[in-house]
């Protein structure tokens, strides 16, 4: 068994640091390293690694939907339909080829609507296409009829077929989705932090349903959009979430915006709860997830997917600033130096939104967080004066340490 010891080793998308075979304390690894080495690596008590062993229960598209469906059924059985309805934030989804017959049955109920096919284990928009006719996916139908020997010879890539959101909210006539960051330090008990900053990713071409083959219209992935002939690297295709929140408030008013962002909070919590009992909650592990959320014209948020290794490459100076601060704040919470007390509700740009239960916001005028006046400790898209907050936090921690010593 290899034994970790040197202070920091690199992984996919992480800051560059020399990777060694020897000992280390902290590893921002990629998921392929995890798959090959985790079970064979001895880790001391203090060692930290940037993924949970079976992170794919949430980050593979087919497993995410499977777990959400199971969790919804459990809520309906244990609590009731009203609570179960809070899980209705992902489009109707089928895994192909295994669910092909169920998919065809659903497809024929609603002819003419648009569906989207996504490979379950690929990223950056690779392999995705839209369709309205069954003949467009006959390759998967043919696979159902193959013998087991043939299937062993040529493995078939699993896809999900998902109802396409045909009425996305548009800004300037263009489609977008949101990238939001959630940091999970533990699943048992569930302890999760929500980052205040994030961004919108826009398509480069005005939205229309008349050309479903045009990826520049329908896919917002930066990896796709930057290959567009008229892509401008200076302007990019992103907005910061603060700008988006201000835009929505001016168009729809603060109450509608609060409802939307509260519905997004629900997505983060319910999705994490859906895998809480299946994720291996190793004390050495943490995970920074990148959530992709789509907003429709009715200001309803939809969960598209959750990324285990959200890109930390920057496409602009603003993007660089966001991601370097995100990494710095993540490391503050991982807290290799054991400076934190464990009672913090905010560290840098992160707010503690769940700590084995909902976390209440500390606001003037709210004495007790009872059912009637509970306000969740989430501030997505709000002012992020993280430098000032960090200075105050660590000054306070330093003072407490001096007093106790």
Protein backbone atom coordinates (compact mmCIF):
# COMPACT_ATOMS: atom_id res chain seq x y z
CA UNK A 1 0.00 0.00 0.00
CA UNK A 2 1.20 3.50 -0.77
CA UNK A 3 1.16 5.95 2.08
CA UNK A 4 0.30 9.66 1.64
CA UNK A 5 2.62 12.20 3.16
CA UNK A 6 3.82 15.20 1.09
CA UNK A 7 1.66 18.26 1.69
CA UNK A 8 -0.10 18.64 -1.65
CA UNK A 9 -0.44 16.63 -4.83
CA UNK A 10 -2.27 17.65 -7.94
CA UNK A 11 -5.32 16.36 -9.76
CA UNK A 12 -7.55 17.27 -12.71
CA UNK A 13 -8.20 20.98 -12.82
CA UNK A 14 -6.31 21.65 -9.59
CA UNK A 15 -3.50 24.15 -9.15
CA UNK A 16 -0.24 22.82 -10.55
CA UNK A 17 1.89 21.11 -7.93
CA UNK A 18 4.55 18.49 -8.31
CA UNK A 19 3.06 15.01 -8.09
CA UNK A 20 5.16 12.44 -6.26
CA UNK A 21 4.95 8.76 -5.67
CA UNK A 22 5.86 9.31 -2.02
CA UNK A 23 3.95 10.48 1.01
CA UNK A 24 1.37 13.27 1.00
CA UNK A 25 -1.25 14.87 3.22
CA UNK A 26 -3.72 16.33 0.69
CA UNK A 27 -4.59 15.19 -2.82
CA UNK A 28 -6.82 17.01 -5.31
CA UNK A 29 -7.10 13.89 -7.43
CA UNK A 30 -9.06 13.06 -10.55
CA UNK A 31 -11.69 10.33 -10.50
CA UNK A 32 -9.57 7.90 -12.54
CA UNK A 33 -6.84 7.96 -9.85
CA UNK A 34 -9.52 7.38 -7.22
CA UNK A 35 -10.90 4.37 -9.08
CA UNK A 36 -7.49 2.77 -9.46
CA UNK A 37 -5.82 3.61 -6.13
CA UNK A 38 -8.27 4.45 -3.35
CA UNK A 39 -8.74 0.90 -2.07
CA UNK A 40 -4.98 0.31 -2.00
CA UNK A 41 -3.90 3.51 -0.25
CA UNK A 42 -3.41 3.75 3.50
CA UNK A 43 -4.34 7.18 4.86
CA UNK A 44 -3.48 8.66 8.25
CA UNK A 45 -6.20 10.35 10.28
CA UNK A 46 -5.45 13.87 8.99
CA UNK A 47 -5.17 13.05 5.26
CA UNK A 48 -7.77 14.55 2.88
CA UNK A 49 -8.74 13.61 -0.67
CA UNK A 50 -11.07 15.48 -3.05
CA UNK A 51 -13.66 12.81 -3.94
CA UNK A 52 -15.91 10.33 -2.19
CA UNK A 53 -15.24 6.73 -3.16
CA UNK A 54 -18.53 6.24 -5.08
CA UNK A 55 -19.18 9.86 -6.07
CA UNK A 56 -20.73 8.56 -9.31
CA UNK A 57 -24.00 7.81 -7.46
CA UNK A 58 -24.67 11.55 -7.85
CA UNK A 59 -22.44 12.56 -10.75
CA UNK A 60 -23.32 9.95 -13.39
CA UNK A 61 -26.50 11.04 -15.13
CA UNK A 62 -28.24 7.65 -14.96
CA UNK A 63 -27.38 6.99 -11.30
CA UNK A 64 -28.40 10.51 -10.29
CA UNK A 65 -31.87 10.02 -11.78
CA UNK A 66 -32.17 6.50 -10.35
CA UNK A 67 -31.40 7.77 -6.85
CA UNK A 68 -33.73 10.77 -7.16
CA UNK A 69 -36.60 8.53 -8.31
CA UNK A 70 -35.99 6.13 -5.43
CA UNK A 71 -35.81 9.00 -2.93
CA UNK A 72 -39.03 10.50 -4.26
CA UNK A 73 -40.85 7.19 -3.78
CA UNK A 74 -39.45 6.92 -0.25
CA UNK A 75 -40.66 10.44 0.62
CA UNK A 76 -44.12 9.74 -0.77
CA UNK A 77 -44.34 6.55 1.28
CA UNK A 78 -42.92 7.99 4.52
CA UNK A 79 -44.05 11.62 4.49
CA UNK A 80 -46.62 12.11 1.75
CA UNK A 81 -47.14 13.38 -1.79
CA UNK A 82 -46.59 17.04 -0.89
CA UNK A 83 -43.05 16.42 0.32
CA UNK A 84 -42.34 14.00 -2.55
CA UNK A 85 -43.38 16.70 -5.05
CA UNK A 86 -40.36 18.74 -3.88
CA UNK A 87 -38.26 16.26 -5.90
CA UNK A 88 -39.97 17.18 -9.18
CA UNK A 89 -37.04 19.20 -10.43
CA UNK A 90 -35.58 16.88 -13.07
CA UNK A 91 -37.07 16.16 -16.50
CA UNK A 92 -38.66 12.79 -17.32
CA UNK A 93 -35.69 10.51 -17.97
CA UNK A 94 -35.03 6.97 -19.26
CA UNK A 95 -31.80 5.00 -19.47
CA UNK A 96 -31.08 3.40 -22.84
CA UNK A 97 -30.86 0.70 -23.94
CA UNK A 98 -32.21 -0.90 -20.70
CA UNK A 99 -35.38 1.26 -20.49
CA UNK A 100 -35.99 1.38 -24.22
CA UNK A 101 -39.49 -0.15 -24.16
CA UNK A 102 -40.62 2.14 -21.32
CA UNK A 103 -39.21 5.07 -23.23
CA UNK A 104 -41.06 4.17 -26.44
CA UNK A 105 -44.32 3.91 -24.49
CA UNK A 106 -43.80 7.42 -23.07
CA UNK A 107 -42.59 8.78 -26.41
CA UNK A 108 -45.79 7.71 -28.17
CA UNK A 109 -47.98 9.39 -25.55
CA UNK A 110 -46.63 12.81 -26.50
CA UNK A 111 -45.66 12.80 -30.20
CA UNK A 112 -43.86 15.81 -31.59
CA UNK A 113 -42.05 16.94 -28.45
CA UNK A 114 -38.26 17.23 -28.34
CA UNK A 115 -36.02 14.80 -26.46
CA UNK A 116 -32.31 15.02 -25.69
CA UNK A 117 -29.84 12.12 -25.61
CA UNK A 118 -26.83 12.31 -23.29
CA UNK A 119 -24.04 9.74 -22.71
CA UNK A 120 -24.15 8.90 -19.00
CA UNK A 121 -20.40 9.23 -18.37
CA UNK A 122 -19.16 11.92 -20.74
CA UNK A 123 -18.81 15.67 -20.21
CA UNK A 124 -18.33 18.98 -22.04
CA UNK A 125 -21.30 18.31 -24.34
CA UNK A 126 -19.69 15.30 -26.02
CA UNK A 127 -22.12 12.84 -27.62
CA UNK A 128 -25.26 14.91 -26.94
CA UNK A 129 -27.97 15.32 -29.57
CA UNK A 130 -31.66 16.27 -29.80
CA UNK A 131 -34.35 14.26 -31.62
CA UNK A 132 -38.08 14.05 -32.32
CA UNK A 133 -38.28 10.75 -34.23
CA UNK A 134 -37.65 7.22 -32.97
CA UNK A 135 -35.64 6.33 -36.07
CA UNK A 136 -32.96 8.74 -34.82
CA UNK A 137 -32.12 6.36 -31.96
CA UNK A 138 -32.57 3.00 -33.68
CA UNK A 139 -28.94 2.09 -32.91
CA UNK A 140 -30.00 1.56 -29.27
CA UNK A 141 -33.11 -0.34 -30.29
CA UNK A 142 -30.98 -2.71 -32.40
CA UNK A 143 -28.77 -3.38 -29.40
CA UNK A 144 -31.73 -4.79 -27.44
CA UNK A 145 -32.01 -7.62 -29.95
CA UNK A 146 -28.33 -8.62 -29.91
CA UNK A 147 -27.16 -11.82 -28.27
CA UNK A 148 -25.16 -11.74 -25.03
CA UNK A 149 -22.02 -12.86 -26.93
CA UNK A 150 -22.37 -9.95 -29.33
CA UNK A 151 -22.86 -7.50 -26.44
CA UNK A 152 -19.65 -8.74 -24.82
CA UNK A 153 -17.74 -8.19 -28.06
CA UNK A 154 -18.96 -4.62 -28.61
CA UNK A 155 -20.08 -2.93 -25.38
CA UNK A 156 -22.82 -0.36 -25.88
CA UNK A 157 -22.46 3.06 -24.32
CA UNK A 158 -25.35 3.87 -22.01
CA UNK A 159 -27.30 7.05 -22.65
CA UNK A 160 -30.15 8.83 -20.94
CA UNK A 161 -33.10 10.02 -23.01
CA UNK A 162 -34.58 13.08 -21.36
CA UNK A 163 -37.47 15.39 -22.18
CA UNK A 164 -35.92 18.56 -23.50
CA UNK A 165 -36.95 21.77 -21.73
CA UNK A 166 -38.56 23.54 -24.70
CA UNK A 167 -39.34 26.80 -22.87
CA UNK A 168 -36.03 27.92 -21.33
CA UNK A 169 -35.75 31.40 -19.85
CA UNK A 170 -33.91 33.53 -22.41
CA UNK A 171 -31.76 36.61 -22.02
CA UNK A 172 -31.16 38.50 -25.25
CA UNK A 173 -32.87 35.63 -27.04
CA UNK A 174 -30.19 33.17 -25.94
CA UNK A 175 -30.37 30.06 -23.79
CA UNK A 176 -28.19 29.66 -20.69
CA UNK A 177 -27.68 27.46 -17.67
CA UNK A 178 -26.19 28.12 -14.21
CA UNK A 179 -23.07 26.60 -12.69
CA UNK A 180 -23.34 26.55 -8.89
CA UNK A 181 -20.78 25.13 -6.44
CA UNK A 182 -21.65 22.94 -3.45
CA UNK A 183 -18.99 21.60 -1.09
CA UNK A 184 -19.81 18.44 0.89
CA UNK A 185 -17.54 17.63 3.82
CA UNK A 186 -19.51 14.63 5.09
CA UNK A 187 -22.58 12.58 4.17
CA UNK A 188 -23.09 11.01 7.59
CA UNK A 189 -23.99 13.40 9.00
CA UNK A 190 -24.70 15.51 5.92
CA UNK A 191 -22.66 18.71 6.08
CA UNK A 192 -22.86 20.91 2.97
CA UNK A 193 -21.73 24.43 2.02
CA UNK A 194 -23.10 26.61 -0.80
CA UNK A 195 -20.83 29.07 -2.60
CA UNK A 196 -22.13 32.62 -3.12
CA UNK A 197 -20.52 33.02 -6.53
CA UNK A 198 -21.18 31.10 -9.71
CA UNK A 199 -21.90 31.91 -13.32
CA UNK A 200 -24.27 31.60 -16.26
CA UNK A 201 -23.08 29.93 -19.47
CA UNK A 202 -24.78 31.29 -22.59
CA UNK A 203 -25.23 29.76 -26.00
CA UNK A 204 -23.67 31.80 -28.78
CA UNK A 205 -26.73 31.67 -31.06
CA UNK A 206 -30.30 32.84 -30.52
CA UNK A 207 -32.65 30.10 -29.32
CA UNK A 208 -35.02 28.35 -31.71
CA UNK A 209 -36.67 24.92 -31.82
CA UNK A 210 -36.64 24.88 -35.61
CA UNK A 211 -33.00 23.72 -35.79
CA UNK A 212 -32.51 20.99 -33.19
CA UNK A 213 -29.22 19.86 -34.78
CA UNK A 214 -27.42 23.13 -34.02
CA UNK A 215 -25.31 22.64 -30.88
CA UNK A 216 -24.49 26.34 -30.74
CA UNK A 217 -28.20 26.98 -30.07
CA UNK A 218 -28.95 24.23 -27.56
CA UNK A 219 -25.74 23.35 -25.67
CA UNK A 220 -24.27 25.92 -23.30
CA UNK A 221 -21.00 24.09 -22.53
CA UNK A 222 -18.04 26.44 -22.94
CA UNK A 223 -16.13 23.61 -24.67
CA UNK A 224 -18.84 23.65 -27.37
CA UNK A 225 -19.46 27.39 -27.60
CA UNK A 226 -15.81 28.41 -27.98
CA UNK A 227 -15.66 26.46 -31.27
CA UNK A 228 -18.42 28.65 -32.76
CA UNK A 229 -17.17 30.67 -35.77
CA UNK A 230 -18.35 33.95 -34.24
CA UNK A 231 -17.25 33.23 -30.65
CA UNK A 232 -15.49 36.25 -29.14
CA UNK A 233 -12.91 35.16 -26.52
CA UNK A 234 -12.72 38.72 -25.18
CA UNK A 235 -16.44 38.86 -24.41
CA UNK A 236 -16.80 35.16 -23.61
CA UNK A 237 -20.23 33.67 -22.93
CA UNK A 238 -20.61 34.02 -19.14
CA UNK A 239 -22.38 36.20 -16.59
CA UNK A 240 -21.67 36.15 -12.87
CA UNK A 241 -24.67 34.99 -10.81
CA UNK A 242 -24.78 38.32 -8.93
CA UNK A 243 -25.48 40.08 -12.22
CA UNK A 244 -28.18 37.52 -13.05
CA UNK A 245 -29.88 37.98 -9.69
CA UNK A 246 -29.92 41.74 -10.15
CA UNK A 247 -31.30 41.35 -13.68
CA UNK A 248 -34.13 39.06 -12.53
CA UNK A 249 -34.99 41.35 -9.62
CA UNK A 250 -35.36 44.31 -11.97
CA UNK A 251 -37.58 42.25 -14.31
CA UNK A 252 -39.69 40.20 -11.87
CA UNK A 253 -39.29 41.75 -8.42
CA UNK A 254 -37.50 40.49 -5.28
CA UNK A 255 -40.26 38.11 -4.15
CA UNK A 256 -40.20 36.04 -7.37
CA UNK A 257 -36.41 35.93 -7.27
CA UNK A 258 -36.35 34.79 -3.62
CA UNK A 259 -38.76 31.99 -4.54
CA UNK A 260 -36.55 30.90 -7.45
CA UNK A 261 -33.38 30.82 -5.37
CA UNK A 262 -35.19 29.03 -2.54
CA UNK A 263 -36.29 26.40 -5.08
CA UNK A 264 -32.65 25.99 -6.13
CA UNK A 265 -31.67 25.50 -2.48
CA UNK A 266 -34.23 22.69 -2.40
CA UNK A 267 -32.55 21.05 -5.42
CA UNK A 268 -29.15 21.05 -3.72
CA UNK A 269 -30.44 19.56 -0.47
CA UNK A 270 -32.83 16.98 -1.93
CA UNK A 271 -30.24 15.73 -4.43
CA UNK A 272 -27.66 15.26 -1.66
CA UNK A 273 -30.21 13.54 0.58
CA UNK A 274 -31.10 11.19 -2.29
CA UNK A 275 -27.59 9.68 -2.17
CA UNK A 276 -26.87 10.14 1.53
CA UNK A 277 -27.42 6.47 2.35
CA UNK A 278 -25.49 5.10 -0.64
CA UNK A 279 -22.39 7.33 -0.71
CA UNK A 280 -19.49 5.87 1.28
CA UNK A 281 -18.88 8.69 3.76
CA UNK A 282 -15.17 8.21 4.38
CA UNK A 283 -13.74 10.74 6.89
CA UNK A 284 -10.80 11.44 4.54
CA UNK A 285 -13.05 12.57 1.69
CA UNK A 286 -14.72 15.80 0.64
CA UNK A 287 -16.21 16.85 -2.69
CA UNK A 288 -16.68 20.11 -4.57
CA UNK A 289 -19.65 19.58 -6.89
CA UNK A 290 -20.55 21.70 -9.89
CA UNK A 291 -24.35 21.81 -10.26
CA UNK A 292 -25.83 22.64 -13.67
CA UNK A 293 -29.28 24.26 -13.37
CA UNK A 294 -31.64 25.39 -16.15
CA UNK A 295 -34.36 28.00 -15.53
CA UNK A 296 -37.56 27.90 -17.60
CA UNK A 297 -39.90 30.74 -18.57
CA UNK A 298 -41.99 30.15 -15.44
CA UNK A 299 -38.88 30.69 -13.26
CA UNK A 300 -38.81 27.00 -12.35
CA UNK A 301 -35.30 25.57 -11.87
CA UNK A 302 -34.42 22.17 -13.37
CA UNK A 303 -31.44 20.03 -12.38
CA UNK A 304 -29.52 18.98 -15.51
CA UNK A 305 -26.53 17.23 -13.91
CA UNK A 306 -23.98 17.31 -11.11
CA UNK A 307 -20.27 17.34 -11.95
CA UNK A 308 -17.66 15.58 -9.81
CA UNK A 309 -14.76 17.49 -11.37
CA UNK A 310 -16.11 20.90 -12.38
CA UNK A 311 -13.66 22.69 -14.64
CA UNK A 312 -11.31 25.02 -12.81
CA UNK A 313 -9.84 26.42 -16.02
CA UNK A 314 -10.59 30.12 -16.51
CA UNK A 315 -12.04 31.64 -19.69
CA UNK A 316 -11.70 35.27 -18.56
CA UNK A 317 -10.12 37.40 -15.82
CA UNK A 318 -13.43 37.45 -13.94
CA UNK A 319 -13.65 33.68 -14.22
CA UNK A 320 -10.06 33.34 -12.99
CA UNK A 321 -10.83 35.45 -9.93
CA UNK A 322 -13.93 33.39 -9.11
CA UNK A 323 -12.16 30.05 -9.37
CA UNK A 324 -9.02 31.00 -7.46
CA UNK A 325 -11.20 32.34 -4.63
CA UNK A 326 -13.35 29.19 -4.80
CA UNK A 327 -10.28 26.98 -4.40
CA UNK A 328 -8.87 29.09 -1.60
CA UNK A 329 -12.15 29.03 0.32
CA UNK A 330 -12.51 25.28 -0.24
CA UNK A 331 -9.09 24.74 1.32
CA UNK A 332 -10.03 26.96 4.27
CA UNK A 333 -13.01 24.68 4.99
CA UNK A 334 -11.03 21.47 4.46
CA UNK A 335 -8.85 23.08 7.16
CA UNK A 336 -5.66 21.03 7.08
CA UNK A 337 -4.25 23.42 9.70
CA UNK A 338 -7.20 22.76 12.09
CA UNK A 339 -7.81 26.47 12.65
CA UNK A 340 -11.62 26.35 12.53
CA UNK A 341 -13.80 25.63 15.57
CA UNK A 342 -16.47 23.68 13.66
CA UNK A 343 -19.15 26.22 14.62
CA UNK A 344 -18.65 28.56 11.65
CA UNK A 345 -21.66 29.33 9.45
CA UNK A 346 -19.61 31.19 6.89
CA UNK A 347 -16.06 30.82 5.60
CA UNK A 348 -15.06 33.15 2.77
CA UNK A 349 -17.61 32.80 -0.02
CA UNK A 350 -19.12 29.61 1.44
CA UNK A 351 -22.24 29.51 3.64
CA UNK A 352 -23.09 26.40 5.66
CA UNK A 353 -26.54 25.42 4.39
CA UNK A 354 -26.95 21.98 5.98
CA UNK A 355 -25.41 20.57 9.15
CA UNK A 356 -27.36 17.37 9.88
CA UNK A 357 -30.38 19.64 9.38
CA UNK A 358 -31.14 23.08 7.89
CA UNK A 359 -28.95 25.97 9.06
CA UNK A 360 -30.65 29.26 9.92
CA UNK A 361 -29.40 32.61 8.76
CA UNK A 362 -28.26 35.04 11.43
CA UNK A 363 -30.27 38.21 10.85
CA UNK A 364 -31.28 41.11 12.99
CA UNK A 365 -34.84 40.88 14.22
CA UNK A 366 -34.91 37.08 14.23
CA UNK A 367 -34.50 35.87 17.79
CA UNK A 368 -35.36 32.21 17.38
CA UNK A 369 -35.40 30.17 14.16
CA UNK A 370 -38.90 28.75 14.66
CA UNK A 371 -41.00 27.27 11.83
CA UNK A 372 -42.68 30.58 11.10
CA UNK A 373 -39.57 32.72 10.82
CA UNK A 374 -36.83 30.32 9.69
CA UNK A 375 -34.55 31.82 7.03
CA UNK A 376 -32.08 29.46 5.36
CA UNK A 377 -28.39 30.33 5.57
CA UNK A 378 -27.93 30.60 1.79
CA UNK A 379 -26.77 33.67 -0.13
CA UNK A 380 -26.33 32.50 -3.74
CA UNK A 381 -25.84 35.51 -6.00
CA UNK A 382 -25.62 37.93 -3.05
CA UNK A 383 -22.77 40.25 -2.17
CA UNK A 384 -19.58 38.31 -1.50
CA UNK A 385 -17.25 40.41 0.65
CA UNK A 386 -15.14 37.31 1.27
CA UNK A 387 -11.81 39.04 2.00
CA UNK A 388 -13.33 41.13 4.75
CA UNK A 389 -15.14 38.09 6.18
CA UNK A 390 -11.97 35.96 6.16
CA UNK A 391 -9.97 38.70 7.91
CA UNK A 392 -12.62 38.95 10.63
CA UNK A 393 -12.90 35.16 10.94
CA UNK A 394 -9.21 34.46 11.34
CA UNK A 395 -8.67 37.49 13.60
CA UNK A 396 -11.42 36.11 15.84
CA UNK A 397 -9.95 32.58 15.77
CA UNK A 398 -6.50 33.96 16.61
CA UNK A 399 -7.91 35.91 19.57
CA UNK A 400 -9.73 32.84 20.89
CA UNK A 401 -6.53 30.81 20.61
CA UNK A 402 -4.55 33.41 22.59
CA UNK A 403 -7.22 33.45 25.32
CA UNK A 404 -7.29 29.65 25.67
CA UNK A 405 -3.49 29.43 25.71
